N, C-alpha and C. Protein backbone atom coordinates (compact mmCIF):
# COMPACT_ATOMS: atom_id res chain seq x y z
N UNK A 1 66.09 50.13 -23.95
CA UNK A 1 67.37 50.73 -23.62
C UNK A 1 67.44 51.00 -22.12
N UNK A 2 68.57 50.70 -21.54
CA UNK A 2 68.75 50.86 -20.10
C UNK A 2 68.75 52.33 -19.69
N UNK A 3 68.19 52.60 -18.52
CA UNK A 3 68.22 53.96 -18.01
C UNK A 3 69.63 54.29 -17.52
N UNK A 4 69.87 55.57 -17.30
CA UNK A 4 71.16 55.99 -16.77
C UNK A 4 71.40 55.33 -15.40
N UNK A 5 70.34 55.13 -14.63
CA UNK A 5 70.51 54.50 -13.32
C UNK A 5 70.90 53.03 -13.45
N UNK A 6 70.33 52.33 -14.40
CA UNK A 6 70.73 50.93 -14.63
C UNK A 6 72.20 50.86 -15.05
N UNK A 7 72.62 51.82 -15.83
CA UNK A 7 74.02 51.86 -16.26
C UNK A 7 74.95 52.19 -15.09
N UNK A 8 74.48 53.02 -14.16
CA UNK A 8 75.26 53.30 -12.94
C UNK A 8 75.38 52.02 -12.11
N UNK A 9 74.28 51.31 -11.93
CA UNK A 9 74.29 50.06 -11.15
C UNK A 9 75.30 49.08 -11.73
N UNK A 10 75.34 48.97 -13.06
CA UNK A 10 76.26 48.04 -13.72
C UNK A 10 77.70 48.53 -13.76
N UNK A 11 77.95 49.75 -13.30
CA UNK A 11 79.29 50.29 -13.29
C UNK A 11 79.73 50.87 -14.62
N UNK A 12 78.80 51.05 -15.55
CA UNK A 12 79.13 51.63 -16.86
C UNK A 12 79.32 53.14 -16.76
N UNK A 13 78.69 53.74 -15.78
CA UNK A 13 78.81 55.17 -15.51
C UNK A 13 79.25 55.31 -14.06
N UNK A 14 80.29 56.09 -13.79
CA UNK A 14 80.75 56.23 -12.41
C UNK A 14 79.75 56.99 -11.54
N UNK A 15 79.82 56.72 -10.25
CA UNK A 15 78.98 57.43 -9.30
C UNK A 15 79.69 57.48 -7.96
N UNK A 16 79.13 58.22 -7.06
CA UNK A 16 79.62 58.28 -5.68
C UNK A 16 78.70 57.38 -4.86
N UNK A 17 79.01 56.09 -4.92
CA UNK A 17 78.15 55.09 -4.29
C UNK A 17 78.21 55.20 -2.77
N UNK A 18 77.05 55.07 -2.17
CA UNK A 18 76.94 55.01 -0.72
C UNK A 18 76.93 53.54 -0.31
N UNK A 19 75.96 52.79 -0.81
CA UNK A 19 75.85 51.38 -0.46
C UNK A 19 74.87 50.70 -1.42
N UNK A 20 74.99 49.39 -1.51
CA UNK A 20 74.03 48.61 -2.29
C UNK A 20 73.84 47.26 -1.61
N UNK A 21 72.74 46.63 -1.96
CA UNK A 21 72.52 45.23 -1.58
C UNK A 21 72.02 44.53 -2.84
N UNK A 22 71.43 43.37 -2.70
CA UNK A 22 70.98 42.61 -3.87
C UNK A 22 69.88 43.31 -4.67
N UNK A 23 69.10 44.16 -3.99
CA UNK A 23 67.92 44.76 -4.64
C UNK A 23 67.94 46.26 -4.79
N UNK A 24 68.78 46.97 -4.01
CA UNK A 24 68.72 48.42 -3.97
C UNK A 24 70.12 49.03 -4.04
N UNK A 25 70.16 50.31 -4.41
CA UNK A 25 71.43 51.00 -4.64
C UNK A 25 71.25 52.46 -4.22
N UNK A 26 72.22 53.00 -3.50
CA UNK A 26 72.17 54.41 -3.08
C UNK A 26 73.46 55.10 -3.49
N UNK A 27 73.32 56.31 -4.02
CA UNK A 27 74.47 57.08 -4.47
C UNK A 27 74.16 58.57 -4.39
N UNK A 28 75.21 59.39 -4.34
CA UNK A 28 75.02 60.83 -4.25
C UNK A 28 74.50 61.39 -5.57
N UNK A 29 73.58 62.34 -5.45
CA UNK A 29 73.10 63.09 -6.61
C UNK A 29 74.24 64.02 -7.04
N UNK A 30 74.59 64.02 -8.32
CA UNK A 30 75.70 64.87 -8.77
C UNK A 30 75.26 66.32 -9.00
N UNK A 31 73.98 66.58 -8.86
CA UNK A 31 73.45 67.95 -8.91
C UNK A 31 72.65 68.20 -7.64
N UNK A 32 73.34 68.22 -6.50
CA UNK A 32 72.63 68.21 -5.22
C UNK A 32 72.02 69.55 -4.81
N UNK A 33 70.93 69.43 -4.07
CA UNK A 33 70.33 70.59 -3.42
C UNK A 33 71.12 70.95 -2.17
N UNK A 34 71.62 69.94 -1.49
CA UNK A 34 72.41 70.10 -0.26
C UNK A 34 73.50 69.03 -0.26
N UNK A 35 74.56 69.28 0.50
CA UNK A 35 75.59 68.26 0.65
C UNK A 35 74.94 66.99 1.22
N UNK A 36 75.22 65.86 0.61
CA UNK A 36 74.65 64.59 1.05
C UNK A 36 73.39 64.18 0.33
N UNK A 37 72.86 65.02 -0.55
CA UNK A 37 71.66 64.68 -1.32
C UNK A 37 71.90 63.33 -2.00
N UNK A 38 71.11 62.36 -1.63
CA UNK A 38 71.31 60.98 -2.06
C UNK A 38 70.10 60.47 -2.83
N UNK A 39 70.37 59.66 -3.85
CA UNK A 39 69.33 58.98 -4.60
C UNK A 39 69.32 57.51 -4.19
N UNK A 40 68.14 56.98 -3.95
CA UNK A 40 67.98 55.56 -3.61
C UNK A 40 67.09 54.95 -4.66
N UNK A 41 67.56 53.85 -5.25
CA UNK A 41 66.84 53.23 -6.37
C UNK A 41 66.75 51.72 -6.19
N UNK A 42 65.70 51.13 -6.74
CA UNK A 42 65.68 49.67 -6.83
C UNK A 42 66.56 49.28 -8.01
N UNK A 43 67.19 48.14 -7.94
CA UNK A 43 67.97 47.66 -9.08
C UNK A 43 67.04 47.24 -10.22
N UNK A 44 65.84 46.86 -9.88
CA UNK A 44 64.83 46.54 -10.88
C UNK A 44 64.44 47.83 -11.60
N UNK A 45 64.55 47.83 -12.90
CA UNK A 45 64.24 49.02 -13.67
C UNK A 45 62.73 49.13 -13.85
N UNK A 46 62.13 50.00 -13.04
CA UNK A 46 60.70 50.28 -13.09
C UNK A 46 60.54 51.79 -13.08
N UNK A 47 59.79 52.31 -14.02
CA UNK A 47 59.65 53.75 -14.18
C UNK A 47 58.94 54.41 -13.00
N UNK A 48 57.79 53.90 -12.62
CA UNK A 48 56.91 54.58 -11.66
C UNK A 48 56.91 53.83 -10.33
N UNK A 49 57.16 54.55 -9.26
CA UNK A 49 57.30 53.93 -7.94
C UNK A 49 56.11 53.06 -7.57
N UNK A 50 54.91 53.46 -7.93
CA UNK A 50 53.74 52.69 -7.54
C UNK A 50 53.43 51.54 -8.50
N UNK A 51 54.32 51.31 -9.47
CA UNK A 51 54.27 50.09 -10.28
C UNK A 51 55.12 48.98 -9.66
N UNK A 52 55.92 49.32 -8.62
CA UNK A 52 56.67 48.28 -7.91
C UNK A 52 55.70 47.39 -7.17
N UNK A 53 56.00 46.10 -7.07
CA UNK A 53 55.14 45.25 -6.26
C UNK A 53 55.32 45.64 -4.79
N UNK A 54 54.41 45.23 -3.95
CA UNK A 54 54.40 45.64 -2.55
C UNK A 54 55.71 45.31 -1.83
N UNK A 55 56.24 44.14 -2.09
CA UNK A 55 57.48 43.73 -1.41
C UNK A 55 58.66 44.61 -1.83
N UNK A 56 58.76 44.91 -3.12
CA UNK A 56 59.86 45.74 -3.61
C UNK A 56 59.71 47.17 -3.09
N UNK A 57 58.49 47.70 -3.08
CA UNK A 57 58.25 49.05 -2.57
C UNK A 57 58.58 49.14 -1.08
N UNK A 58 58.11 48.17 -0.30
CA UNK A 58 58.40 48.17 1.14
C UNK A 58 59.90 48.07 1.38
N UNK A 59 60.57 47.24 0.62
CA UNK A 59 62.02 47.10 0.75
C UNK A 59 62.74 48.39 0.41
N UNK A 60 62.28 49.10 -0.62
CA UNK A 60 62.88 50.36 -1.02
C UNK A 60 62.75 51.39 0.11
N UNK A 61 61.59 51.44 0.72
CA UNK A 61 61.37 52.39 1.82
C UNK A 61 62.27 52.03 3.01
N UNK A 62 62.35 50.76 3.36
CA UNK A 62 63.18 50.35 4.50
C UNK A 62 64.67 50.59 4.21
N UNK A 63 65.11 50.33 2.99
CA UNK A 63 66.50 50.60 2.60
C UNK A 63 66.76 52.11 2.69
N UNK A 64 65.81 52.91 2.21
CA UNK A 64 65.93 54.37 2.26
C UNK A 64 66.02 54.87 3.70
N UNK A 65 65.26 54.25 4.58
CA UNK A 65 65.30 54.65 5.99
C UNK A 65 66.70 54.46 6.57
N UNK A 66 67.35 53.35 6.27
CA UNK A 66 68.71 53.11 6.77
C UNK A 66 69.67 54.17 6.25
N UNK A 67 69.52 54.54 5.00
CA UNK A 67 70.37 55.57 4.41
C UNK A 67 70.08 56.91 5.08
N UNK A 68 68.81 57.23 5.29
CA UNK A 68 68.42 58.50 5.91
C UNK A 68 68.98 58.62 7.33
N UNK A 69 68.93 57.54 8.09
CA UNK A 69 69.47 57.56 9.45
C UNK A 69 70.97 57.85 9.41
N UNK A 70 71.69 57.18 8.52
CA UNK A 70 73.14 57.41 8.38
C UNK A 70 73.41 58.83 7.90
N UNK A 71 72.61 59.30 6.97
CA UNK A 71 72.78 60.64 6.42
C UNK A 71 72.64 61.70 7.51
N UNK A 72 71.64 61.55 8.36
CA UNK A 72 71.42 62.52 9.44
C UNK A 72 72.56 62.51 10.45
N UNK A 73 73.13 61.35 10.71
CA UNK A 73 74.28 61.27 11.61
C UNK A 73 75.52 61.89 10.97
N UNK A 74 75.70 61.66 9.69
CA UNK A 74 76.90 62.13 8.99
C UNK A 74 76.88 63.63 8.74
N UNK A 75 75.71 64.15 8.44
CA UNK A 75 75.56 65.57 8.10
C UNK A 75 74.40 66.13 8.93
N UNK A 76 74.68 66.49 10.17
CA UNK A 76 73.60 66.93 11.06
C UNK A 76 72.70 68.00 10.43
N UNK A 77 71.41 67.77 10.61
CA UNK A 77 70.40 68.66 10.06
C UNK A 77 69.13 68.45 10.87
N UNK A 78 68.10 69.24 10.60
CA UNK A 78 66.84 69.07 11.32
C UNK A 78 66.11 67.80 10.91
N UNK A 79 66.11 67.52 9.61
CA UNK A 79 65.39 66.37 9.07
C UNK A 79 66.05 65.93 7.78
N UNK A 80 65.66 64.74 7.34
CA UNK A 80 65.99 64.29 6.00
C UNK A 80 64.71 64.38 5.19
N UNK A 81 64.72 65.24 4.21
CA UNK A 81 63.56 65.39 3.34
C UNK A 81 63.51 64.24 2.35
N UNK A 82 62.29 63.85 1.98
CA UNK A 82 62.08 62.75 1.05
C UNK A 82 61.22 63.28 -0.10
N UNK A 83 61.69 63.03 -1.32
CA UNK A 83 60.92 63.44 -2.48
C UNK A 83 60.94 62.33 -3.52
N UNK A 84 59.78 62.09 -4.09
CA UNK A 84 59.66 61.17 -5.21
C UNK A 84 59.01 61.97 -6.33
N UNK A 85 59.80 62.28 -7.34
CA UNK A 85 59.29 63.08 -8.45
C UNK A 85 59.15 62.18 -9.66
N UNK A 86 60.25 61.59 -10.06
CA UNK A 86 60.22 60.54 -11.07
C UNK A 86 59.97 60.94 -12.50
N UNK A 87 60.13 62.20 -12.82
CA UNK A 87 59.90 62.61 -14.21
C UNK A 87 61.20 62.72 -15.00
N UNK A 88 62.30 62.98 -14.32
CA UNK A 88 63.54 63.25 -15.03
C UNK A 88 64.28 62.00 -15.50
N UNK A 89 64.13 60.89 -14.82
CA UNK A 89 64.74 59.61 -15.23
C UNK A 89 63.65 58.54 -15.10
N UNK A 90 63.40 57.75 -16.13
CA UNK A 90 62.34 56.75 -16.08
C UNK A 90 62.76 55.49 -15.30
N UNK A 91 63.19 55.70 -14.07
CA UNK A 91 63.61 54.61 -13.18
C UNK A 91 63.29 55.11 -11.78
N UNK A 92 62.47 54.37 -11.06
CA UNK A 92 62.06 54.77 -9.72
C UNK A 92 63.25 55.23 -8.90
N UNK A 93 63.10 56.38 -8.24
CA UNK A 93 64.14 56.86 -7.34
C UNK A 93 63.55 57.76 -6.27
N UNK A 94 64.19 57.69 -5.12
CA UNK A 94 63.82 58.51 -3.97
C UNK A 94 64.97 59.46 -3.70
N UNK A 95 64.64 60.74 -3.55
CA UNK A 95 65.63 61.74 -3.16
C UNK A 95 65.62 61.84 -1.63
N UNK A 96 66.78 61.74 -1.01
CA UNK A 96 66.94 62.00 0.41
C UNK A 96 67.81 63.24 0.54
N UNK A 97 67.27 64.29 1.14
CA UNK A 97 67.96 65.57 1.18
C UNK A 97 68.03 66.09 2.63
N UNK A 98 69.24 66.32 3.15
CA UNK A 98 69.36 66.95 4.48
C UNK A 98 68.66 68.31 4.46
N UNK A 99 67.86 68.57 5.48
CA UNK A 99 67.08 69.81 5.52
C UNK A 99 67.21 70.52 6.86
N UNK A 100 67.30 71.83 6.77
CA UNK A 100 67.18 72.67 7.96
C UNK A 100 65.98 73.59 7.84
N UNK A 101 65.44 73.69 6.62
CA UNK A 101 64.23 74.48 6.39
C UNK A 101 63.49 73.89 5.18
N UNK A 102 62.26 74.29 5.02
CA UNK A 102 61.45 73.82 3.89
C UNK A 102 62.11 74.18 2.56
N UNK A 103 62.78 75.30 2.52
CA UNK A 103 63.40 75.78 1.28
C UNK A 103 64.50 74.83 0.79
N UNK A 104 65.07 74.04 1.68
CA UNK A 104 66.14 73.11 1.29
C UNK A 104 65.67 72.01 0.35
N UNK A 105 64.37 71.79 0.29
CA UNK A 105 63.82 70.74 -0.58
C UNK A 105 63.15 71.33 -1.82
N UNK A 106 63.52 72.55 -2.16
CA UNK A 106 62.97 73.22 -3.34
C UNK A 106 63.86 72.88 -4.54
N UNK A 107 63.35 72.10 -5.47
CA UNK A 107 64.12 71.66 -6.62
C UNK A 107 64.37 72.78 -7.63
N UNK A 108 63.81 73.94 -7.40
CA UNK A 108 64.11 75.11 -8.24
C UNK A 108 65.36 75.85 -7.76
N UNK A 109 65.83 75.51 -6.56
CA UNK A 109 67.05 76.14 -6.05
C UNK A 109 68.23 75.80 -6.94
N UNK A 110 69.21 76.69 -6.99
CA UNK A 110 70.43 76.37 -7.74
C UNK A 110 71.09 75.12 -7.15
N UNK A 111 71.60 74.28 -8.02
CA UNK A 111 72.27 73.05 -7.56
C UNK A 111 73.68 73.40 -7.09
N UNK A 112 74.14 72.69 -6.09
CA UNK A 112 75.48 72.91 -5.56
C UNK A 112 76.52 72.23 -6.42
N UNK A 113 77.73 72.71 -6.38
CA UNK A 113 78.85 72.12 -7.11
C UNK A 113 79.91 71.69 -6.10
N UNK A 114 80.36 70.46 -6.23
CA UNK A 114 81.42 69.94 -5.38
C UNK A 114 82.50 69.33 -6.26
N UNK A 115 83.71 69.34 -5.76
CA UNK A 115 84.80 68.68 -6.47
C UNK A 115 84.67 67.17 -6.26
N UNK A 116 85.39 66.42 -7.04
CA UNK A 116 85.40 64.97 -6.90
C UNK A 116 85.84 64.58 -5.49
N UNK A 117 86.86 65.25 -4.97
CA UNK A 117 87.34 64.97 -3.61
C UNK A 117 86.26 65.26 -2.57
N UNK A 118 85.52 66.36 -2.77
CA UNK A 118 84.44 66.70 -1.83
C UNK A 118 83.33 65.66 -1.88
N UNK A 119 82.93 65.25 -3.10
CA UNK A 119 81.90 64.21 -3.22
C UNK A 119 82.37 62.92 -2.54
N UNK A 120 83.61 62.52 -2.78
CA UNK A 120 84.14 61.31 -2.16
C UNK A 120 84.13 61.40 -0.64
N UNK A 121 84.49 62.55 -0.11
CA UNK A 121 84.52 62.75 1.35
C UNK A 121 83.10 62.67 1.93
N UNK A 122 82.14 63.28 1.24
CA UNK A 122 80.75 63.23 1.70
C UNK A 122 80.24 61.78 1.68
N UNK A 123 80.50 61.07 0.60
CA UNK A 123 80.05 59.67 0.49
C UNK A 123 80.68 58.82 1.59
N UNK A 124 81.96 59.01 1.85
CA UNK A 124 82.64 58.23 2.88
C UNK A 124 82.07 58.54 4.26
N UNK A 125 81.77 59.79 4.51
CA UNK A 125 81.19 60.19 5.79
C UNK A 125 79.84 59.49 6.01
N UNK A 126 79.02 59.43 4.98
CA UNK A 126 77.71 58.76 5.08
C UNK A 126 77.92 57.25 5.25
N UNK A 127 78.79 56.66 4.43
CA UNK A 127 79.05 55.21 4.54
C UNK A 127 79.50 54.82 5.94
N UNK A 128 80.28 55.68 6.57
CA UNK A 128 80.80 55.36 7.90
C UNK A 128 79.71 55.28 8.96
N UNK A 129 78.55 55.83 8.65
CA UNK A 129 77.43 55.82 9.62
C UNK A 129 76.37 54.75 9.31
N UNK A 130 76.54 54.03 8.22
CA UNK A 130 75.54 53.03 7.84
C UNK A 130 75.62 51.80 8.73
N UNK A 131 74.47 51.37 9.20
CA UNK A 131 74.37 50.21 10.08
C UNK A 131 73.50 49.16 9.39
N UNK A 132 74.15 48.27 8.64
CA UNK A 132 73.42 47.21 7.94
C UNK A 132 73.68 45.88 8.61
């Protein structure tokens, strides 16, 4: 059975897409820690990040870097935090979270709520900074 992320990639479930290419897909987390919290995934459905072959893993990191650079320009912060947890959805994913303090990357923090218009505006702001 396809993961929720595979269904998002296929357009079966809506998302606030940032960008995609032939191998990778980035979209806003709908339960964000901070505005701009983005998930980056390979289109290949693989549960554990270190089960990806070297080329796919390297590509995922490089794709994530481009998103992180755009994210930092779009939503100024001290850093873009990176987290790979991988327990909640059995599909490799990287969390990119704008950070001003260590506490911003605490997944126990209450999740933020945004309207559809706010999510769309955040996604557009990030997309406008992407340099592919």
